[in-house]
Every structure is written in C-alpha cells, then in structure tokens.
C-alpha cells in the first residue's frame, strides 16, 4: 500500500518550480473541476515542462501562480504584451490575469487511465479548437457533458 502525505501548496509548488527549472518534465495529480471536461480533477495527471516562447499562445494550457496559495492550470484565452488572461474550460466567464513571470510550466500532456493525450494530438486539438468560448454555448456544452454517462 502506498503511503500518502499532504504538504502545503507553497512547499509543493516550490519543489515543482525547482524541478521544472532544471529542465525536467514532471507529472502531478490534478485537483478541482475548473478544466472539465478535458481535465478531470482527482483522476487525471498533468505532464509539465518548462514554458518557452512557443508556450505563450491562445489555447495553450499553462500552470500559473496567482498568489502563494493559488496555482491554476488553465487555458490561455488572450495575451496582450506581458499580460496573460487564463480561463478554465469549465468556467463560464471567470478569468484570471497573470504575467509571464507567474507561469510555472506548460501542460504538455494529460494522463487519464494510463493513456496519454499529448499536446498537438487530435484529442487535444478537439478541446482546444472546438470547446466553445461563448459563455452561453459553454453553459450548454457543460450541461450536456454533465448528463453523459461518464466512463472516466
């Protein structure tokens, strides 16, 4: 049986930042529902790599620090200079704004049930390009998603 330990967000993400800064890719378990249906909190894992110039574009998923106790992996919906606007796929309108310096890493893959969905794959791009940006259509899509029998 695997032993589970809990650590504070500052400690955990401090270690994540150190590992990412060395150029390593790391894998972390998800929490929350802000990226559903693409990322399922508590079930999926994220593969993170150091962000580079190619990471900062609309549709990319970035792990950003929005204060010491709040880290999010959300999709880029707008970039204006150094200001990046992020929004979770499961959010109707709520957005967060951060700077490039607040970005910890880029999400380059999602692991669900042992299967990896990599950035650029057809499944990845379906969510990136087809998931609605309009709050009304997103609400409809989320309602339909909630009614589907889940095999996740």
N, C-alpha and C. Protein backbone atom coordinates (compact mmCIF):
# COMPACT_ATOMS: atom_id res chain seq x y z
N UNK A 1 0.83 -1.18 0.00
CA UNK A 1 0.00 0.00 0.00
C UNK A 1 0.88 1.25 0.00
N UNK A 2 0.53 2.20 -0.87
CA UNK A 2 1.30 3.42 -0.98
C UNK A 2 0.89 4.40 0.11
N UNK A 3 1.88 4.99 0.75
CA UNK A 3 1.62 5.97 1.79
C UNK A 3 1.39 7.34 1.15
N UNK A 4 0.40 8.05 1.62
CA UNK A 4 0.07 9.36 1.09
C UNK A 4 0.42 10.40 2.15
N UNK A 5 1.07 11.48 1.70
CA UNK A 5 1.35 12.59 2.62
C UNK A 5 0.79 13.87 2.01
N UNK A 6 0.44 14.80 2.85
CA UNK A 6 -0.07 16.09 2.40
C UNK A 6 0.96 17.16 2.75
N UNK A 7 1.22 18.04 1.79
CA UNK A 7 2.13 19.15 2.03
C UNK A 7 1.42 20.43 1.60
N UNK A 8 1.89 21.54 2.10
CA UNK A 8 1.28 22.83 1.76
C UNK A 8 1.56 23.17 0.30
N UNK A 9 0.68 23.98 -0.29
CA UNK A 9 0.89 24.42 -1.67
C UNK A 9 2.23 25.12 -1.87
N UNK A 10 2.62 26.05 -0.99
CA UNK A 10 3.92 26.71 -1.20
C UNK A 10 5.08 25.72 -1.25
N UNK A 11 5.07 24.73 -0.37
CA UNK A 11 6.14 23.73 -0.37
C UNK A 11 6.08 22.88 -1.63
N UNK A 12 4.90 22.37 -1.96
CA UNK A 12 4.74 21.51 -3.14
C UNK A 12 5.15 22.25 -4.42
N UNK A 13 4.59 23.44 -4.63
CA UNK A 13 4.88 24.15 -5.87
C UNK A 13 6.29 24.73 -5.89
N UNK A 14 6.89 24.92 -4.72
CA UNK A 14 8.31 25.29 -4.68
C UNK A 14 9.16 24.17 -5.27
N UNK A 15 8.84 22.93 -4.91
CA UNK A 15 9.57 21.77 -5.45
C UNK A 15 9.29 21.63 -6.95
N UNK A 16 8.03 21.82 -7.34
CA UNK A 16 7.67 21.75 -8.76
C UNK A 16 8.50 22.76 -9.55
N UNK A 17 8.58 24.00 -9.05
CA UNK A 17 9.34 25.04 -9.75
C UNK A 17 10.82 24.67 -9.87
N UNK A 18 11.39 24.12 -8.80
CA UNK A 18 12.80 23.71 -8.83
C UNK A 18 13.03 22.64 -9.89
N UNK A 19 12.15 21.65 -9.93
CA UNK A 19 12.30 20.56 -10.90
C UNK A 19 12.14 21.07 -12.33
N UNK A 20 11.14 21.90 -12.55
CA UNK A 20 10.89 22.46 -13.88
C UNK A 20 12.10 23.31 -14.32
N UNK A 21 12.66 24.10 -13.40
CA UNK A 21 13.79 24.98 -13.72
C UNK A 21 15.01 24.19 -14.17
N UNK A 22 15.14 22.93 -13.74
CA UNK A 22 16.28 22.11 -14.17
C UNK A 22 16.06 21.50 -15.55
N UNK A 23 14.88 21.74 -16.13
CA UNK A 23 14.60 21.20 -17.46
C UNK A 23 13.89 19.86 -17.45
N UNK A 24 13.58 19.36 -16.27
CA UNK A 24 12.88 18.08 -16.18
C UNK A 24 11.39 18.24 -16.46
N UNK A 25 10.80 17.19 -17.03
CA UNK A 25 9.33 17.12 -17.13
C UNK A 25 8.86 16.42 -15.87
N UNK A 26 7.76 16.89 -15.31
CA UNK A 26 7.23 16.23 -14.12
C UNK A 26 5.75 15.93 -14.31
N UNK A 27 5.26 15.03 -13.49
CA UNK A 27 3.87 14.58 -13.56
C UNK A 27 3.21 14.83 -12.21
N UNK A 28 2.08 15.54 -12.24
CA UNK A 28 1.37 15.82 -10.99
C UNK A 28 -0.10 15.43 -11.13
N UNK A 29 -0.70 15.08 -10.02
CA UNK A 29 -2.13 14.75 -9.95
C UNK A 29 -2.94 16.04 -9.94
N UNK A 30 -4.11 16.00 -10.56
CA UNK A 30 -4.96 17.19 -10.63
C UNK A 30 -5.93 17.26 -9.45
N UNK A 31 -6.40 18.48 -9.22
CA UNK A 31 -7.47 18.74 -8.25
C UNK A 31 -8.43 19.71 -8.91
N UNK A 32 -9.65 19.73 -8.47
CA UNK A 32 -10.60 20.74 -8.93
C UNK A 32 -11.33 20.36 -10.21
N UNK A 33 -12.29 21.21 -10.57
CA UNK A 33 -13.15 20.93 -11.73
C UNK A 33 -13.07 22.05 -12.78
N UNK A 34 -12.17 22.98 -12.61
CA UNK A 34 -12.15 24.15 -13.49
C UNK A 34 -11.78 23.85 -14.93
N UNK A 35 -11.19 22.70 -15.21
CA UNK A 35 -10.81 22.36 -16.59
C UNK A 35 -11.64 21.22 -17.18
N UNK A 36 -12.74 20.86 -16.49
CA UNK A 36 -13.57 19.79 -17.05
C UNK A 36 -14.22 20.27 -18.32
N UNK A 37 -14.48 19.50 -19.28
CA UNK A 37 -14.35 18.05 -19.29
C UNK A 37 -12.97 17.55 -19.74
N UNK A 38 -12.10 18.45 -20.21
CA UNK A 38 -10.81 17.98 -20.73
C UNK A 38 -9.93 17.37 -19.65
N UNK A 39 -9.87 18.02 -18.49
CA UNK A 39 -9.06 17.52 -17.38
C UNK A 39 -10.00 17.26 -16.21
N UNK A 40 -9.96 16.04 -15.69
CA UNK A 40 -10.85 15.63 -14.61
C UNK A 40 -10.06 15.63 -13.30
N UNK A 41 -10.43 16.52 -12.39
CA UNK A 41 -9.76 16.64 -11.10
C UNK A 41 -9.84 15.37 -10.28
N UNK A 42 -8.73 15.01 -9.68
CA UNK A 42 -8.67 13.82 -8.83
C UNK A 42 -8.45 12.53 -9.59
N UNK A 43 -8.58 12.56 -10.90
CA UNK A 43 -8.39 11.36 -11.72
C UNK A 43 -7.23 11.49 -12.69
N UNK A 44 -7.12 12.66 -13.31
CA UNK A 44 -6.10 12.85 -14.34
C UNK A 44 -4.79 13.35 -13.74
N UNK A 45 -3.75 13.21 -14.51
CA UNK A 45 -2.44 13.74 -14.15
C UNK A 45 -1.95 14.62 -15.29
N UNK A 46 -1.15 15.62 -14.95
CA UNK A 46 -0.61 16.54 -15.93
C UNK A 46 0.88 16.31 -16.08
N UNK A 47 1.36 16.33 -17.32
CA UNK A 47 2.79 16.32 -17.59
C UNK A 47 3.16 17.78 -17.85
N UNK A 48 4.10 18.27 -17.06
CA UNK A 48 4.52 19.67 -17.12
C UNK A 48 5.94 19.78 -17.62
N UNK A 49 6.17 20.79 -18.44
CA UNK A 49 7.53 21.11 -18.91
C UNK A 49 7.73 22.61 -18.79
N UNK A 50 8.98 22.99 -18.79
CA UNK A 50 9.32 24.40 -18.71
C UNK A 50 8.72 25.14 -19.91
N UNK A 51 8.08 26.27 -19.65
CA UNK A 51 7.49 27.07 -20.73
C UNK A 51 8.61 27.75 -21.51
N UNK A 52 8.39 27.87 -22.83
CA UNK A 52 9.32 28.60 -23.67
C UNK A 52 8.52 29.59 -24.53
N UNK A 53 9.15 30.24 -25.47
CA UNK A 53 8.46 31.24 -26.29
C UNK A 53 7.26 30.65 -27.03
N UNK A 54 7.31 29.37 -27.38
CA UNK A 54 6.22 28.71 -28.10
C UNK A 54 5.05 28.34 -27.20
N UNK A 55 5.22 28.48 -25.89
CA UNK A 55 4.17 28.14 -24.93
C UNK A 55 3.12 29.23 -24.78
N UNK A 56 3.47 30.44 -25.17
CA UNK A 56 2.61 31.58 -24.92
C UNK A 56 1.77 31.91 -26.16
N UNK A 57 0.69 31.16 -26.30
CA UNK A 57 -0.24 31.39 -27.40
C UNK A 57 -1.64 30.99 -26.96
N UNK A 58 -2.62 31.53 -27.65
CA UNK A 58 -4.03 31.22 -27.35
C UNK A 58 -4.25 29.71 -27.47
N UNK A 59 -4.90 29.13 -26.47
CA UNK A 59 -5.19 27.71 -26.47
C UNK A 59 -4.21 26.85 -25.69
N UNK A 60 -3.02 27.39 -25.38
CA UNK A 60 -2.05 26.64 -24.57
C UNK A 60 -2.59 26.51 -23.16
N UNK A 61 -2.19 25.46 -22.46
CA UNK A 61 -2.55 25.30 -21.05
C UNK A 61 -1.30 25.55 -20.22
N UNK A 62 -1.39 26.56 -19.36
CA UNK A 62 -0.25 26.95 -18.54
C UNK A 62 -0.56 26.76 -17.07
N UNK A 63 0.44 26.33 -16.32
CA UNK A 63 0.34 26.28 -14.86
C UNK A 63 0.90 27.60 -14.36
N UNK A 64 0.06 28.38 -13.70
CA UNK A 64 0.48 29.71 -13.25
C UNK A 64 0.20 29.86 -11.76
N UNK A 65 0.99 30.72 -11.15
CA UNK A 65 0.84 31.02 -9.73
C UNK A 65 0.13 32.36 -9.60
N UNK A 66 -1.02 32.32 -8.95
CA UNK A 66 -1.83 33.54 -8.78
C UNK A 66 -1.86 33.92 -7.31
N UNK A 67 -0.72 33.96 -6.72
CA UNK A 67 -0.60 34.17 -5.29
C UNK A 67 -0.02 32.91 -4.67
N UNK A 68 0.49 33.04 -3.46
CA UNK A 68 1.20 31.93 -2.81
C UNK A 68 0.34 30.67 -2.64
N UNK A 69 -0.93 30.83 -2.41
CA UNK A 69 -1.80 29.68 -2.13
C UNK A 69 -2.66 29.27 -3.32
N UNK A 70 -2.48 29.90 -4.49
CA UNK A 70 -3.37 29.61 -5.62
C UNK A 70 -2.58 29.38 -6.89
N UNK A 71 -2.61 28.16 -7.35
CA UNK A 71 -1.99 27.79 -8.60
C UNK A 71 -3.08 27.17 -9.49
N UNK A 72 -3.07 27.52 -10.77
CA UNK A 72 -4.07 27.01 -11.69
C UNK A 72 -3.40 26.52 -12.97
N UNK A 73 -3.98 25.50 -13.55
CA UNK A 73 -3.60 25.05 -14.90
C UNK A 73 -4.80 25.38 -15.76
N UNK A 74 -4.73 26.50 -16.46
CA UNK A 74 -5.84 26.97 -17.28
C UNK A 74 -5.37 27.31 -18.68
N UNK A 75 -6.34 27.41 -19.56
CA UNK A 75 -6.07 27.67 -20.97
C UNK A 75 -5.90 29.18 -21.22
N UNK A 76 -4.93 29.53 -22.05
CA UNK A 76 -4.71 30.92 -22.43
C UNK A 76 -5.84 31.35 -23.36
N UNK A 77 -6.52 32.44 -22.99
CA UNK A 77 -7.56 32.95 -23.89
C UNK A 77 -7.15 34.28 -24.52
N UNK A 78 -6.12 34.94 -23.96
CA UNK A 78 -5.66 36.20 -24.55
C UNK A 78 -4.27 36.52 -24.03
N UNK A 79 -3.46 37.11 -24.88
CA UNK A 79 -2.15 37.63 -24.47
C UNK A 79 -2.03 39.04 -25.03
N UNK A 80 -1.74 39.97 -24.13
CA UNK A 80 -1.53 41.37 -24.52
C UNK A 80 -0.23 41.82 -23.86
N UNK A 81 0.83 41.85 -24.63
CA UNK A 81 2.15 42.20 -24.09
C UNK A 81 2.59 41.14 -23.10
N UNK A 82 2.86 41.58 -21.88
CA UNK A 82 3.28 40.65 -20.82
C UNK A 82 2.10 40.08 -20.04
N UNK A 83 0.90 40.56 -20.31
CA UNK A 83 -0.30 40.15 -19.57
C UNK A 83 -0.98 38.96 -20.25
N UNK A 84 -1.21 37.90 -19.47
CA UNK A 84 -1.82 36.68 -19.98
C UNK A 84 -3.16 36.49 -19.28
N UNK A 85 -4.22 36.30 -20.05
CA UNK A 85 -5.54 36.02 -19.49
C UNK A 85 -5.81 34.54 -19.65
N UNK A 86 -6.13 33.89 -18.53
CA UNK A 86 -6.39 32.45 -18.49
C UNK A 86 -7.85 32.19 -18.13
N UNK A 87 -8.37 31.07 -18.60
CA UNK A 87 -9.72 30.65 -18.20
C UNK A 87 -9.77 29.13 -18.23
N UNK A 88 -10.38 28.57 -17.19
CA UNK A 88 -10.60 27.13 -17.15
C UNK A 88 -11.68 26.74 -18.15
N UNK A 89 -11.55 25.58 -18.76
CA UNK A 89 -12.56 25.11 -19.73
C UNK A 89 -13.93 24.97 -19.08
N UNK A 90 -13.97 24.70 -17.78
CA UNK A 90 -15.24 24.53 -17.08
C UNK A 90 -15.83 25.81 -16.54
N UNK A 91 -15.19 26.93 -16.80
CA UNK A 91 -15.66 28.22 -16.31
C UNK A 91 -16.46 28.92 -17.39
N UNK A 92 -17.58 29.52 -17.00
CA UNK A 92 -18.40 30.23 -17.97
C UNK A 92 -17.79 31.57 -18.35
N UNK A 93 -17.40 32.36 -17.36
CA UNK A 93 -16.86 33.69 -17.67
C UNK A 93 -15.63 34.06 -16.87
N UNK A 94 -15.43 33.45 -15.71
CA UNK A 94 -14.34 33.83 -14.82
C UNK A 94 -12.99 33.64 -15.51
N UNK A 95 -12.18 34.69 -15.45
CA UNK A 95 -10.82 34.62 -15.99
C UNK A 95 -9.84 35.07 -14.91
N UNK A 96 -8.59 34.73 -15.10
CA UNK A 96 -7.50 35.18 -14.24
C UNK A 96 -6.46 35.84 -15.12
N UNK A 97 -5.79 36.83 -14.57
CA UNK A 97 -4.74 37.52 -15.31
C UNK A 97 -3.43 37.32 -14.55
N UNK A 98 -2.39 36.99 -15.32
CA UNK A 98 -1.06 36.84 -14.73
C UNK A 98 -0.04 37.39 -15.71
N UNK A 99 1.19 37.46 -15.27
CA UNK A 99 2.29 37.86 -16.13
C UNK A 99 3.11 36.65 -16.52
N UNK A 100 3.97 36.81 -17.49
CA UNK A 100 4.82 35.68 -17.92
C UNK A 100 5.65 35.13 -16.77
N UNK A 101 6.06 36.01 -15.86
CA UNK A 101 6.85 35.58 -14.71
C UNK A 101 6.07 34.73 -13.72
N UNK A 102 4.74 34.74 -13.80
CA UNK A 102 3.91 33.93 -12.91
C UNK A 102 3.70 32.51 -13.43
N UNK A 103 4.12 32.27 -14.66
CA UNK A 103 3.93 30.95 -15.27
C UNK A 103 5.00 30.00 -14.74
N UNK A 104 4.53 28.89 -14.18
CA UNK A 104 5.43 27.87 -13.63
C UNK A 104 5.86 26.90 -14.72
N UNK A 105 4.89 26.49 -15.57
CA UNK A 105 5.17 25.47 -16.58
C UNK A 105 4.05 25.44 -17.61
N UNK A 106 4.30 24.72 -18.68
CA UNK A 106 3.27 24.44 -19.68
C UNK A 106 2.81 23.00 -19.52
N UNK A 107 1.52 22.78 -19.64
CA UNK A 107 0.98 21.42 -19.63
C UNK A 107 1.17 20.87 -21.05
N UNK A 108 1.93 19.79 -21.17
CA UNK A 108 2.21 19.22 -22.49
C UNK A 108 1.50 17.89 -22.72
N UNK A 109 0.88 17.35 -21.68
CA UNK A 109 0.11 16.12 -21.83
C UNK A 109 -0.79 15.94 -20.61
N UNK A 110 -1.88 15.21 -20.83
CA UNK A 110 -2.80 14.83 -19.77
C UNK A 110 -2.86 13.31 -19.78
N UNK A 111 -2.74 12.71 -18.59
CA UNK A 111 -2.78 11.25 -18.48
C UNK A 111 -4.08 10.87 -17.79
N UNK A 112 -4.87 10.05 -18.49
CA UNK A 112 -6.15 9.57 -17.96
C UNK A 112 -6.20 8.06 -18.14
N UNK A 113 -6.41 7.37 -17.04
CA UNK A 113 -6.49 5.91 -17.06
C UNK A 113 -5.30 5.29 -17.78
N UNK A 114 -4.12 5.85 -17.53
CA UNK A 114 -2.90 5.30 -18.11
C UNK A 114 -2.65 5.69 -19.55
N UNK A 115 -3.59 6.39 -20.18
CA UNK A 115 -3.42 6.80 -21.57
C UNK A 115 -3.05 8.28 -21.62
N UNK A 116 -2.08 8.60 -22.47
CA UNK A 116 -1.59 9.96 -22.54
C UNK A 116 -2.20 10.69 -23.74
N UNK A 117 -2.73 11.90 -23.45
CA UNK A 117 -3.22 12.79 -24.50
C UNK A 117 -2.19 13.90 -24.60
N UNK A 118 -1.43 13.91 -25.69
CA UNK A 118 -0.33 14.85 -25.82
C UNK A 118 -0.75 16.12 -26.55
N UNK A 119 -0.08 17.20 -26.19
CA UNK A 119 -0.28 18.48 -26.86
C UNK A 119 -0.10 18.27 -28.36
N UNK A 120 -1.06 18.79 -29.14
CA UNK A 120 -0.98 18.67 -30.59
C UNK A 120 -1.69 17.45 -31.16
N UNK A 121 -2.08 16.51 -30.28
CA UNK A 121 -2.79 15.31 -30.78
C UNK A 121 -4.21 15.69 -31.19
N UNK A 122 -4.89 14.81 -31.91
CA UNK A 122 -6.24 15.12 -32.37
C UNK A 122 -7.20 15.33 -31.19
N UNK A 123 -7.08 14.53 -30.14
CA UNK A 123 -7.94 14.69 -28.97
C UNK A 123 -7.67 16.04 -28.30
N UNK A 124 -6.41 16.38 -28.13
CA UNK A 124 -6.02 17.66 -27.53
C UNK A 124 -6.60 18.82 -28.35
N UNK A 125 -6.44 18.75 -29.65
CA UNK A 125 -6.90 19.84 -30.52
C UNK A 125 -8.41 19.94 -30.60
N UNK A 126 -9.13 18.83 -30.41
CA UNK A 126 -10.60 18.90 -30.37
C UNK A 126 -11.04 19.82 -29.24
N UNK A 127 -10.45 19.64 -28.07
CA UNK A 127 -10.81 20.52 -26.94
C UNK A 127 -10.31 21.94 -27.17
N UNK A 128 -9.13 22.05 -27.72
CA UNK A 128 -8.56 23.38 -27.93
C UNK A 128 -9.38 24.20 -28.91
N UNK A 129 -9.77 23.62 -30.01
CA UNK A 129 -10.44 24.39 -31.06
C UNK A 129 -11.96 24.32 -31.03
N UNK A 130 -12.52 23.23 -30.52
CA UNK A 130 -13.96 23.06 -30.60
C UNK A 130 -14.72 23.44 -29.33
N UNK A 131 -14.02 23.49 -28.19
CA UNK A 131 -14.71 23.84 -26.95
C UNK A 131 -15.17 25.29 -27.05
N UNK A 132 -16.45 25.56 -26.80
CA UNK A 132 -16.98 26.91 -27.02
C UNK A 132 -16.38 27.97 -26.11
N UNK A 133 -16.19 29.16 -26.67
CA UNK A 133 -15.70 30.28 -25.86
C UNK A 133 -16.84 31.18 -25.39
N UNK A 134 -17.96 31.14 -26.07
CA UNK A 134 -19.12 31.92 -25.67
C UNK A 134 -19.69 31.37 -24.36
N UNK A 135 -19.96 32.23 -23.37
CA UNK A 135 -20.50 31.74 -22.09
C UNK A 135 -21.79 30.93 -22.25
N UNK A 136 -22.68 31.37 -23.13
CA UNK A 136 -23.93 30.64 -23.32
C UNK A 136 -23.68 29.24 -23.89
N UNK A 137 -22.87 29.16 -24.94
CA UNK A 137 -22.60 27.86 -25.57
C UNK A 137 -21.80 26.95 -24.63
N UNK A 138 -20.92 27.55 -23.85
CA UNK A 138 -20.14 26.77 -22.87
C UNK A 138 -21.08 26.20 -21.81
N UNK A 139 -22.07 26.99 -21.38
CA UNK A 139 -23.05 26.51 -20.40
C UNK A 139 -23.83 25.33 -20.97
N UNK A 140 -24.24 25.43 -22.23
CA UNK A 140 -24.96 24.34 -22.89
C UNK A 140 -24.07 23.10 -22.97
N UNK A 141 -22.82 23.28 -23.41
CA UNK A 141 -21.89 22.15 -23.54
C UNK A 141 -21.63 21.49 -22.19
N UNK A 142 -21.45 22.29 -21.13
CA UNK A 142 -21.22 21.73 -19.79
C UNK A 142 -22.44 20.98 -19.28
N UNK A 143 -23.63 21.48 -19.60
CA UNK A 143 -24.86 20.79 -19.19
C UNK A 143 -24.96 19.44 -19.90
N UNK A 144 -24.69 19.42 -21.19
CA UNK A 144 -24.72 18.16 -21.95
C UNK A 144 -23.68 17.20 -21.38
N UNK A 145 -22.48 17.72 -21.11
CA UNK A 145 -21.42 16.88 -20.53
C UNK A 145 -21.86 16.27 -19.20
N UNK A 146 -22.54 17.06 -18.37
CA UNK A 146 -22.97 16.56 -17.05
C UNK A 146 -24.02 15.46 -17.17
N UNK A 147 -24.72 15.41 -18.28
CA UNK A 147 -25.77 14.40 -18.48
C UNK A 147 -25.25 13.11 -19.09
N UNK A 148 -24.03 13.14 -19.64
CA UNK A 148 -23.46 11.96 -20.28
C UNK A 148 -23.07 10.91 -19.24
N UNK A 149 -23.22 9.63 -19.59
CA UNK A 149 -22.71 8.58 -18.69
C UNK A 149 -21.18 8.62 -18.73
N UNK A 150 -20.57 8.83 -17.59
CA UNK A 150 -19.12 9.00 -17.54
C UNK A 150 -18.39 7.67 -17.42
N UNK A 151 -17.41 7.52 -18.26
CA UNK A 151 -16.56 6.32 -18.23
C UNK A 151 -15.15 6.71 -17.83
N UNK A 152 -15.02 7.82 -17.14
CA UNK A 152 -13.70 8.34 -16.79
C UNK A 152 -13.12 7.67 -15.59
